[in-house]
Amino acid sequence: MELKMKNVTTKNKFLQTVRNQEGFTLMEVMVSMVVMAVGIFGLIHAADSVIFYQKNSGLVTAATLKTTNKIEEIKRFSANEPTGGAYGFNYLVTDYLTDASLTKVNDYKYSKSETDGDFTITTVLEVYPSGGDETFDDPTSIHMLEVEVNTAWTDSRGQAKEVEMASVIHRRQFIE
């Protein structure tokens, strides 16, 4: 009988040591994997957002430069009068309209749309202030023009974006 008791005691000790072993249960491993997966997906989403906004920032900068350059190009034509150049405000309200292939919208407004890569650039020349007696039919009566340039594009998520700027150009009066 003594022998049997020793075996039972030995089995109980073995079971106790198995239960007291250190390690992770299956449930603990599964919970830690879920927490890690959520963290990794969060990092992937953050990286995707950073890449999108970086590319979007580059497109906004490019559109702003194209818009500004177009306005400056038109302003350059109007400022050429004092030097005796071929251009000037008179050129801007007459020959430039046909040279640049602008389309007449009405007596007060001309417009043109063109594509440059991913961008659509719309340029509008309008008599300023609107509603007066000055029209493109009588270009010598025009004293001020509003130049409005709109640059539009579609971002990588399919949303329409645009940059719009305007400037007022006046006829310079020269004293002789």
Protein backbone atom coordinates (compact mmCIF):
# COMPACT_ATOMS: atom_id res chain seq x y z
CA MET A 1 0.00 0.00 0.00
CA GLU A 2 2.78 2.32 0.60
CA LEU A 3 3.87 2.06 -2.93
CA LYS A 4 0.54 3.13 -4.27
CA MET A 5 0.50 6.20 -2.13
CA LYS A 6 3.88 7.22 -3.34
CA ASN A 7 2.70 7.01 -6.94
CA VAL A 8 -0.38 9.08 -6.23
CA THR A 9 1.71 11.67 -4.46
CA THR A 10 4.12 11.74 -7.36
CA LYS A 11 1.25 12.23 -9.85
CA ASN A 12 -0.20 15.14 -7.84
CA LYS A 13 3.18 16.84 -7.75
CA PHE A 14 3.53 16.39 -11.51
CA LEU A 15 0.07 17.90 -12.12
CA GLN A 16 0.87 20.82 -9.86
CA THR A 17 4.10 21.59 -11.67
CA VAL A 18 2.33 21.43 -15.04
CA ARG A 19 -0.25 23.95 -13.86
CA ASN A 20 2.40 26.29 -12.45
CA GLN A 21 4.53 26.45 -15.58
CA GLU A 22 5.16 29.94 -16.86
CA GLY A 23 4.09 30.93 -20.44
CA PHE A 24 1.23 32.42 -22.44
CA THR A 25 -2.15 30.95 -22.93
CA LEU A 26 -3.75 30.78 -26.36
CA MET A 27 -6.15 33.57 -25.37
CA GLU A 28 -3.30 35.90 -24.37
CA VAL A 29 -1.51 35.25 -27.66
CA MET A 30 -4.70 35.94 -29.66
CA VAL A 31 -5.38 39.24 -27.82
CA SER A 32 -1.80 40.42 -28.33
CA MET A 33 -2.03 39.60 -32.07
CA VAL A 34 -5.25 41.62 -32.39
CA VAL A 35 -3.66 44.59 -30.60
CA MET A 36 -0.61 44.36 -32.85
CA ALA A 37 -2.76 44.11 -36.01
CA VAL A 38 -4.76 47.21 -35.03
CA GLY A 39 -1.51 49.11 -34.44
CA ILE A 40 -0.03 48.03 -37.77
CA PHE A 41 -3.21 48.96 -39.68
CA GLY A 42 -3.13 52.36 -37.94
CA LEU A 43 0.45 52.91 -39.08
CA ILE A 44 -0.40 51.88 -42.65
CA HIS A 45 -3.32 54.32 -42.70
CA ALA A 46 -1.12 57.10 -41.30
CA ALA A 47 1.56 56.44 -43.94
CA ASP A 48 -1.08 56.45 -46.70
CA SER A 49 -2.41 59.80 -45.45
CA VAL A 50 1.08 61.30 -45.33
CA ILE A 51 1.77 60.20 -48.92
CA PHE A 52 -1.60 61.56 -50.13
CA TYR A 53 -1.18 64.95 -48.44
CA GLN A 54 2.41 65.27 -49.63
CA LYS A 55 1.35 64.64 -53.23
CA ASN A 56 -1.66 66.97 -52.81
CA SER A 57 0.62 69.70 -51.47
CA GLY A 58 2.83 69.37 -54.54
CA LEU A 59 -0.20 69.68 -56.84
CA VAL A 60 -1.46 72.77 -54.99
CA THR A 61 1.98 74.35 -55.29
CA ALA A 62 2.19 73.55 -59.02
CA ALA A 63 -1.33 74.90 -59.62
CA THR A 64 -0.54 78.09 -57.70
CA LEU A 65 2.62 78.63 -59.75
CA LYS A 66 0.78 78.05 -63.05
CA THR A 67 -1.99 80.47 -61.99
CA THR A 68 0.46 83.15 -60.86
CA ASN A 69 2.60 82.77 -63.98
CA LYS A 70 -0.42 83.19 -66.25
CA ILE A 71 -1.45 86.41 -64.49
CA GLU A 72 2.11 87.72 -64.61
CA GLU A 73 2.38 86.89 -68.32
CA ILE A 74 -0.72 88.99 -69.05
CA LYS A 75 0.47 91.80 -66.78
CA ARG A 76 3.80 91.80 -68.63
CA PHE A 77 1.98 92.54 -71.90
CA SER A 78 0.18 95.52 -70.39
CA ALA A 79 3.35 97.00 -68.87
CA ASN A 80 5.31 97.20 -72.13
CA GLU A 81 3.97 100.62 -73.22
CA PRO A 82 6.47 102.96 -71.55
CA THR A 83 9.44 101.27 -73.17
CA GLY A 84 7.98 101.70 -76.64
CA GLY A 85 7.64 97.95 -77.10
CA ALA A 86 5.18 96.26 -79.39
CA TYR A 87 2.86 95.36 -76.52
CA GLY A 88 0.93 97.35 -73.98
CA PHE A 89 -2.57 97.85 -72.71
CA ASN A 90 -3.87 98.60 -76.23
CA TYR A 91 -2.43 95.29 -77.44
CA LEU A 92 -4.00 93.53 -74.45
CA VAL A 93 -7.53 94.77 -75.23
CA THR A 94 -7.27 94.23 -79.01
CA ASP A 95 -4.79 91.87 -80.69
CA TYR A 96 -3.95 89.75 -77.62
CA LEU A 97 -7.53 88.49 -77.55
CA THR A 98 -7.11 86.88 -80.98
CA ASP A 99 -3.39 86.05 -80.67
CA ALA A 100 -4.06 84.08 -77.48
CA SER A 101 -7.23 82.50 -78.97
CA LEU A 102 -9.60 83.85 -76.34
CA THR A 103 -13.32 83.35 -76.99
CA LYS A 104 -15.76 86.24 -76.69
CA VAL A 105 -18.30 85.54 -73.95
CA ASN A 106 -20.03 88.93 -74.26
CA ASP A 107 -19.08 92.58 -74.88
CA TYR A 108 -17.37 92.72 -71.48
CA LYS A 109 -15.65 89.35 -71.20
CA TYR A 110 -13.27 87.02 -73.08
CA SER A 111 -12.31 83.53 -71.91
CA LYS A 112 -9.98 80.64 -72.74
CA SER A 113 -9.48 77.14 -71.30
CA GLU A 114 -6.36 75.10 -71.94
CA THR A 115 -4.91 71.88 -70.60
CA ASP A 116 -1.40 71.67 -69.17
CA GLY A 117 -0.64 68.14 -67.94
CA ASP A 118 -3.10 67.29 -65.17
CA PHE A 119 -4.32 70.88 -64.96
CA THR A 120 -7.07 72.79 -66.77
CA ILE A 121 -6.29 76.51 -66.81
CA THR A 122 -9.15 78.92 -67.51
CA THR A 123 -8.23 82.55 -68.18
CA VAL A 124 -10.88 85.28 -68.19
CA LEU A 125 -10.32 88.91 -69.21
CA GLU A 126 -13.19 91.13 -68.14
CA VAL A 127 -13.77 94.88 -68.26
CA TYR A 128 -13.49 96.27 -64.73
CA PRO A 129 -15.68 97.48 -63.11
CA SER A 130 -18.40 95.46 -64.79
CA GLY A 131 -21.67 97.02 -65.87
CA GLY A 132 -20.18 100.26 -67.17
CA ASP A 133 -20.08 101.77 -70.64
CA GLU A 134 -16.64 100.34 -71.44
CA THR A 135 -16.70 97.33 -73.79
CA PHE A 136 -14.30 95.35 -75.96
CA ASP A 137 -16.15 96.74 -78.98
CA ASP A 138 -14.51 100.10 -78.16
CA PRO A 139 -11.12 99.07 -76.70
CA THR A 140 -9.87 102.66 -76.29
CA SER A 141 -12.64 103.26 -73.73
CA ILE A 142 -11.38 100.48 -71.45
CA HIS A 143 -9.32 101.78 -68.52
CA MET A 144 -9.12 98.65 -66.36
CA LEU A 145 -9.25 94.90 -66.90
CA GLU A 146 -9.77 92.13 -64.39
CA VAL A 147 -7.67 89.06 -65.15
CA GLU A 148 -9.03 85.95 -63.48
CA VAL A 149 -7.19 82.64 -63.74
CA ASN A 150 -8.59 79.36 -62.44
CA THR A 151 -6.44 76.23 -62.38
CA ALA A 152 -8.37 73.00 -61.74
CA TRP A 153 -7.35 69.36 -61.37
CA THR A 154 -8.55 66.08 -59.85
CA ASP A 155 -6.59 64.62 -56.93
CA SER A 156 -5.69 60.94 -56.50
CA ARG A 157 -8.90 60.32 -54.51
CA GLY A 158 -11.06 61.70 -57.34
CA GLN A 159 -11.94 65.03 -55.70
CA ALA A 160 -12.00 68.19 -57.81
CA LYS A 161 -9.55 70.86 -56.63
CA GLU A 162 -8.85 74.38 -57.89
CA VAL A 163 -6.77 77.48 -57.33
CA GLU A 164 -8.23 80.82 -58.44
CA MET A 165 -6.53 84.21 -58.50
CA ALA A 166 -7.41 87.55 -59.98
CA SER A 167 -5.67 90.84 -60.66
CA VAL A 168 -6.83 94.21 -61.92
CA ILE A 169 -4.71 95.81 -64.65
CA HIS A 170 -5.09 99.49 -65.47
CA ARG A 171 -4.25 101.56 -68.51
CA ARG A 172 -1.26 103.70 -67.66
CA GLN A 173 -1.55 107.42 -68.27
CA PHE A 174 1.67 108.96 -69.54
CA ILE A 175 2.45 112.62 -69.29
CA GLU A 176 4.43 113.95 -72.22
